[in-house]
Protein backbone atom coordinates (compact mmCIF):
# COMPACT_ATOMS: atom_id res chain seq x y z
CA UNK A 1 -104.01 -201.26 -26.83
CA UNK A 2 -103.70 -203.21 -30.01
CA UNK A 3 -100.46 -203.77 -31.85
CA UNK A 4 -101.79 -201.94 -34.92
CA UNK A 5 -102.70 -198.86 -32.89
CA UNK A 6 -99.23 -198.85 -31.22
CA UNK A 7 -97.61 -198.88 -34.60
CA UNK A 8 -99.71 -195.98 -35.85
CA UNK A 9 -98.75 -193.95 -32.83
CA UNK A 10 -94.95 -194.78 -33.16
CA UNK A 11 -95.09 -193.87 -36.89
CA UNK A 12 -96.94 -190.61 -36.08
CA UNK A 13 -94.68 -189.74 -33.33
CA UNK A 14 -91.60 -190.24 -35.63
CA UNK A 15 -93.13 -187.99 -38.30
CA UNK A 16 -93.74 -185.15 -35.70
CA UNK A 17 -90.36 -185.42 -34.31
CA UNK A 18 -88.76 -185.14 -37.89
CA UNK A 19 -91.05 -182.20 -38.61
CA UNK A 20 -90.08 -180.50 -35.41
CA UNK A 21 -86.37 -180.90 -36.16
CA UNK A 22 -86.89 -179.54 -39.58
CA UNK A 23 -88.72 -176.52 -38.29
CA UNK A 24 -85.81 -175.59 -35.84
CA UNK A 25 -83.00 -176.22 -38.32
CA UNK A 26 -84.62 -174.42 -41.19
CA UNK A 27 -82.52 -171.75 -42.79
CA UNK A 28 -83.81 -169.33 -45.49
CA UNK A 29 -82.45 -169.35 -48.91
CA UNK A 30 -79.99 -166.67 -49.88
CA UNK A 31 -82.58 -164.92 -52.03
CA UNK A 32 -85.01 -164.78 -49.14
CA UNK A 33 -82.32 -163.20 -46.78
CA UNK A 34 -81.60 -160.59 -49.60
CA UNK A 35 -85.18 -159.83 -49.76
CA UNK A 36 -85.43 -158.96 -46.02
CA UNK A 37 -82.31 -156.74 -46.30
CA UNK A 38 -83.87 -154.39 -48.82
CA UNK A 39 -86.10 -152.76 -46.07
CA UNK A 40 -83.37 -150.05 -45.57
CA UNK A 41 -84.46 -146.57 -46.16
CA UNK A 42 -82.06 -143.54 -46.65
CA UNK A 43 -82.92 -139.84 -46.35
CA UNK A 44 -81.33 -137.64 -49.16
CA UNK A 45 -79.84 -134.25 -48.73
CA UNK A 46 -78.51 -132.25 -51.78
CA UNK A 47 -75.44 -130.10 -50.97
CA UNK A 48 -73.68 -127.63 -53.07
CA UNK A 49 -69.99 -128.52 -53.92
CA UNK A 50 -67.33 -126.62 -55.70
CA UNK A 51 -65.25 -127.73 -58.78
CA UNK A 52 -62.68 -126.10 -61.09
CA UNK A 53 -62.25 -126.19 -64.80
CA UNK A 54 -59.59 -125.15 -67.36
CA UNK A 55 -59.92 -123.75 -70.81
CA UNK A 56 -58.38 -125.64 -73.71
CA UNK A 57 -56.10 -122.71 -74.68
CA UNK A 58 -53.49 -121.85 -71.97
CA UNK A 59 -51.79 -119.12 -74.03
CA UNK A 60 -53.74 -116.16 -72.28
CA UNK A 61 -52.70 -113.19 -74.42
CA UNK A 62 -54.64 -111.00 -76.73
CA UNK A 63 -53.04 -109.09 -79.54
CA UNK A 64 -53.90 -105.57 -80.96
CA UNK A 65 -51.76 -105.41 -84.06
CA UNK A 66 -50.63 -102.18 -85.75
CA UNK A 67 -50.79 -103.68 -89.17
CA UNK A 68 -53.03 -106.55 -90.05
CA UNK A 69 -55.97 -108.29 -88.25
CA UNK A 70 -56.01 -108.34 -84.43
CA UNK A 71 -55.68 -111.71 -82.67
CA UNK A 72 -58.13 -112.02 -79.86
CA UNK A 73 -57.83 -114.88 -77.35
CA UNK A 74 -60.29 -117.67 -77.87
CA UNK A 75 -60.90 -120.91 -75.90
CA UNK A 76 -63.59 -123.41 -74.99
CA UNK A 77 -64.21 -124.98 -71.64
CA UNK A 78 -66.32 -128.12 -71.11
CA UNK A 79 -67.62 -129.23 -67.73
CA UNK A 80 -68.41 -133.00 -67.17
CA UNK A 81 -70.50 -132.75 -64.06
CA UNK A 82 -74.05 -133.81 -63.26
CA UNK A 83 -76.54 -131.56 -61.44
CA UNK A 84 -74.51 -128.36 -62.49
CA UNK A 85 -75.74 -125.32 -60.63
CA UNK A 86 -73.66 -122.37 -61.70
CA UNK A 87 -70.44 -121.52 -63.54
CA UNK A 88 -68.34 -118.38 -62.65
CA UNK A 89 -65.52 -117.00 -65.06
CA UNK A 90 -63.13 -114.78 -63.39
CA UNK A 91 -60.62 -112.70 -65.42
CA UNK A 92 -57.75 -110.62 -63.76
CA UNK A 93 -55.48 -108.37 -65.74
CA UNK A 94 -53.34 -105.24 -65.64
CA UNK A 95 -51.86 -103.04 -68.46
CA UNK A 96 -48.27 -104.04 -68.89
CA UNK A 97 -47.21 -100.96 -70.77
CA UNK A 98 -48.22 -97.59 -69.13
CA UNK A 99 -46.70 -94.11 -68.93
CA UNK A 100 -47.35 -91.52 -66.25
CA UNK A 101 -47.94 -87.96 -67.57
CA UNK A 102 -46.15 -85.49 -65.25
CA UNK A 103 -46.03 -88.18 -62.61
CA UNK A 104 -49.91 -87.62 -62.03
CA UNK A 105 -51.91 -90.13 -64.02
CA UNK A 106 -51.19 -93.00 -66.52
CA UNK A 107 -51.70 -92.33 -70.18
CA UNK A 108 -52.26 -94.91 -73.10
CA UNK A 109 -54.18 -97.36 -70.96
CA UNK A 110 -55.36 -100.43 -72.85
CA UNK A 111 -59.03 -101.52 -72.79
CA UNK A 112 -59.90 -105.31 -72.42
CA UNK A 113 -63.11 -106.87 -73.35
CA UNK A 114 -64.11 -110.26 -71.96
CA UNK A 115 -66.98 -112.36 -73.50
CA UNK A 116 -68.37 -115.73 -72.54
CA UNK A 117 -71.05 -117.58 -74.57
CA UNK A 118 -72.98 -120.34 -72.77
CA UNK A 119 -74.08 -123.56 -74.61
CA UNK A 120 -77.57 -122.18 -75.29
CA UNK A 121 -75.99 -119.23 -77.03
CA UNK A 122 -76.38 -116.56 -74.40
CA UNK A 123 -73.37 -114.16 -74.49
CA UNK A 124 -72.19 -112.04 -71.50
CA UNK A 125 -69.63 -109.29 -71.82
CA UNK A 126 -67.52 -107.16 -69.44
CA UNK A 127 -64.99 -104.48 -70.11
CA UNK A 128 -62.40 -102.48 -68.11
CA UNK A 129 -59.61 -100.11 -68.75
CA UNK A 130 -56.05 -100.23 -67.38
CA UNK A 131 -56.76 -103.25 -65.09
CA UNK A 132 -59.49 -105.00 -63.35
CA UNK A 133 -61.22 -108.23 -62.21
CA UNK A 134 -64.07 -109.05 -64.42
CA UNK A 135 -66.71 -111.79 -63.48
CA UNK A 136 -69.37 -113.48 -65.61
CA UNK A 137 -71.65 -115.84 -63.95
CA UNK A 138 -74.30 -118.35 -65.29
CA UNK A 139 -76.46 -119.37 -62.45
CA UNK A 140 -79.54 -121.69 -61.75
CA UNK A 141 -78.50 -124.04 -64.71
CA UNK A 142 -80.13 -127.05 -63.05
CA UNK A 143 -82.29 -127.27 -59.88
CA UNK A 144 -81.42 -129.74 -57.12
CA UNK A 145 -83.05 -133.21 -57.67
CA UNK A 146 -86.39 -133.31 -55.83
CA UNK A 147 -86.04 -136.84 -54.37
CA UNK A 148 -85.50 -136.77 -50.54
CA UNK A 149 -85.80 -140.51 -49.57
CA UNK A 150 -84.72 -143.83 -51.35
CA UNK A 151 -84.79 -147.50 -50.50
CA UNK A 152 -81.80 -149.72 -51.20
CA UNK A 153 -79.79 -152.51 -49.62
CA UNK A 154 -76.83 -150.27 -48.90
CA UNK A 155 -75.37 -146.75 -49.61
CA UNK A 156 -73.67 -147.87 -52.75
CA UNK A 157 -76.84 -149.10 -54.29
CA UNK A 158 -78.62 -146.01 -53.08
CA UNK A 159 -76.27 -143.79 -54.85
CA UNK A 160 -76.58 -145.81 -58.06
CA UNK A 161 -80.31 -145.42 -57.87
CA UNK A 162 -80.11 -141.74 -57.43
CA UNK A 163 -78.35 -141.30 -60.81
CA UNK A 164 -81.83 -141.76 -62.39
CA UNK A 165 -82.93 -138.33 -60.90
CA UNK A 166 -79.72 -136.30 -61.94
CA UNK A 167 -80.04 -133.35 -64.17
CA UNK A 168 -77.57 -133.15 -67.01
CA UNK A 169 -78.23 -129.66 -68.80
CA UNK A 170 -74.99 -128.38 -70.12
CA UNK A 171 -73.00 -131.41 -68.94
CA UNK A 172 -70.30 -131.98 -71.62
CA UNK A 173 -71.30 -128.88 -73.65
CA UNK A 174 -68.77 -126.04 -74.44
CA UNK A 175 -68.71 -122.57 -73.11
CA UNK A 176 -66.86 -120.25 -75.60
CA UNK A 177 -64.47 -117.64 -74.30
CA UNK A 178 -63.19 -114.53 -76.12
CA UNK A 179 -60.88 -111.81 -74.93
CA UNK A 180 -59.91 -108.77 -76.95
CA UNK A 181 -57.49 -105.81 -76.22
CA UNK A 182 -57.52 -102.38 -77.61
CA UNK A 183 -54.11 -100.64 -76.90
CA UNK A 184 -54.37 -97.16 -75.61
CA UNK A 185 -51.15 -95.82 -77.20
CA UNK A 186 -51.42 -94.46 -80.72
CA UNK A 187 -48.83 -94.65 -83.47
CA UNK A 188 -49.49 -91.11 -84.62
CA UNK A 189 -48.76 -89.40 -81.33
CA UNK A 190 -45.87 -87.79 -79.49
CA UNK A 191 -44.77 -91.14 -78.33
CA UNK A 192 -44.92 -93.63 -81.32
CA UNK A 193 -42.39 -95.88 -79.82
CA UNK A 194 -44.64 -96.70 -76.95
CA UNK A 195 -47.23 -98.00 -79.42
CA UNK A 196 -44.57 -100.19 -81.23
CA UNK A 197 -43.69 -101.80 -77.99
CA UNK A 198 -47.31 -102.57 -76.89
CA UNK A 199 -48.97 -105.05 -79.07
CA UNK A 200 -51.51 -106.38 -76.61
CA UNK A 201 -51.86 -107.75 -73.06
CA UNK A 202 -51.98 -110.90 -71.00
CA UNK A 203 -54.46 -112.05 -68.24
CA UNK A 204 -55.53 -114.97 -66.17
CA UNK A 205 -58.88 -116.80 -66.21
CA UNK A 206 -60.26 -118.89 -63.29
CA UNK A 207 -63.43 -120.92 -63.86
CA UNK A 208 -65.24 -122.15 -60.76
CA UNK A 209 -68.48 -124.10 -60.86
CA UNK A 210 -70.92 -125.43 -58.35
CA UNK A 211 -73.05 -128.54 -58.38
CA UNK A 212 -75.48 -130.56 -56.31
CA UNK A 213 -74.12 -133.82 -54.72
CA UNK A 214 -76.22 -136.13 -52.54
CA UNK A 215 -75.45 -137.16 -48.97
CA UNK A 216 -77.13 -140.25 -47.50
CA UNK A 217 -78.32 -140.99 -43.93
CA UNK A 218 -79.85 -144.29 -43.01
CA UNK A 219 -83.23 -143.93 -41.35
CA UNK A 220 -83.71 -145.91 -38.04
CA UNK A 221 -86.93 -147.91 -38.09
CA UNK A 222 -89.35 -147.18 -35.42
CA UNK A 223 -89.35 -149.73 -32.52
CA UNK A 224 -92.52 -151.67 -31.89
CA UNK A 225 -93.79 -152.67 -28.36
CA UNK A 226 -93.18 -156.30 -28.86
CA UNK A 227 -90.05 -158.00 -29.91
CA UNK A 228 -90.48 -159.44 -33.51
CA UNK A 229 -88.07 -162.17 -32.75
CA UNK A 230 -89.75 -163.23 -29.70
CA UNK A 231 -93.20 -163.06 -31.38
CA UNK A 232 -91.97 -165.29 -34.22
CA UNK A 233 -90.39 -167.79 -31.69
CA UNK A 234 -93.74 -168.04 -29.89
CA UNK A 235 -95.55 -168.74 -33.09
CA UNK A 236 -93.20 -171.50 -33.94
CA UNK A 237 -93.50 -173.06 -30.40
CA UNK A 238 -97.30 -172.85 -30.56
CA UNK A 239 -97.32 -174.53 -33.85
CA UNK A 240 -95.19 -177.42 -32.60
CA UNK A 241 -97.38 -177.87 -29.67
CA UNK A 242 -100.42 -177.98 -31.82
CA UNK A 243 -98.86 -180.54 -33.93
CA UNK A 244 -97.87 -182.67 -30.98
CA UNK A 245 -101.15 -182.42 -29.26
CA UNK A 246 -102.99 -185.26 -31.06
CA UNK A 247 -100.22 -187.62 -29.97
CA UNK A 248 -100.68 -186.88 -26.29
CA UNK A 249 -104.49 -186.87 -26.60
CA UNK A 250 -104.59 -190.25 -28.26
CA UNK A 251 -106.56 -192.82 -26.10
CA UNK A 252 -104.30 -195.24 -24.46
CA UNK A 253 -101.06 -193.24 -24.89
CA UNK A 254 -99.84 -193.24 -21.19
């Protein structure tokens, strides 16, 4: 074997050894690793949750004046919630000035009227005499978002991406509330002092809303028959042998 041939063999072997070391020690760049992580898939389920709101006027009293203009209760309520499904207004009241006639029934019962106007101008009205629980409901405001699956690196990113599918009808828009009272006692009656004592009535209002909120569950990828890691290792080994084969098959390399 000539000296020139031996030199070529030595240089070639050195190059192959360096290449083999580089293959085994190779580490992917941060961007490449992140690209592999994005393969996560999450199933999305939309569940109904409950929230509570307060009107901007806490003085819940409506006046029926003897002289001058009546003073009904008025307030606004604004709900800052995505995917709003329904809003329920619950008013409870009882006449605080009543008189029983011959201990049989109450006389001079007040009449209360409850009104709520939605952001689109729809007004609902309820009324009762003496006492009662009045409910006004605005339902089916927004449908549940239709997306049922999303891909992301993690749950935080998935929740952020889901915001693109939220429905915001009536979010941040005011509902208008009005309550008026008509006193049952009359000034020109056998009991004028009862009317002088009764100038209106108090009540309570509760506001309950429902909305859709997503819950995420990571999907487990289906397992393949072969191990991807072993397959990748076999490919690398085969590639290395293929690169080394010319060295061992070179004439006179024994």
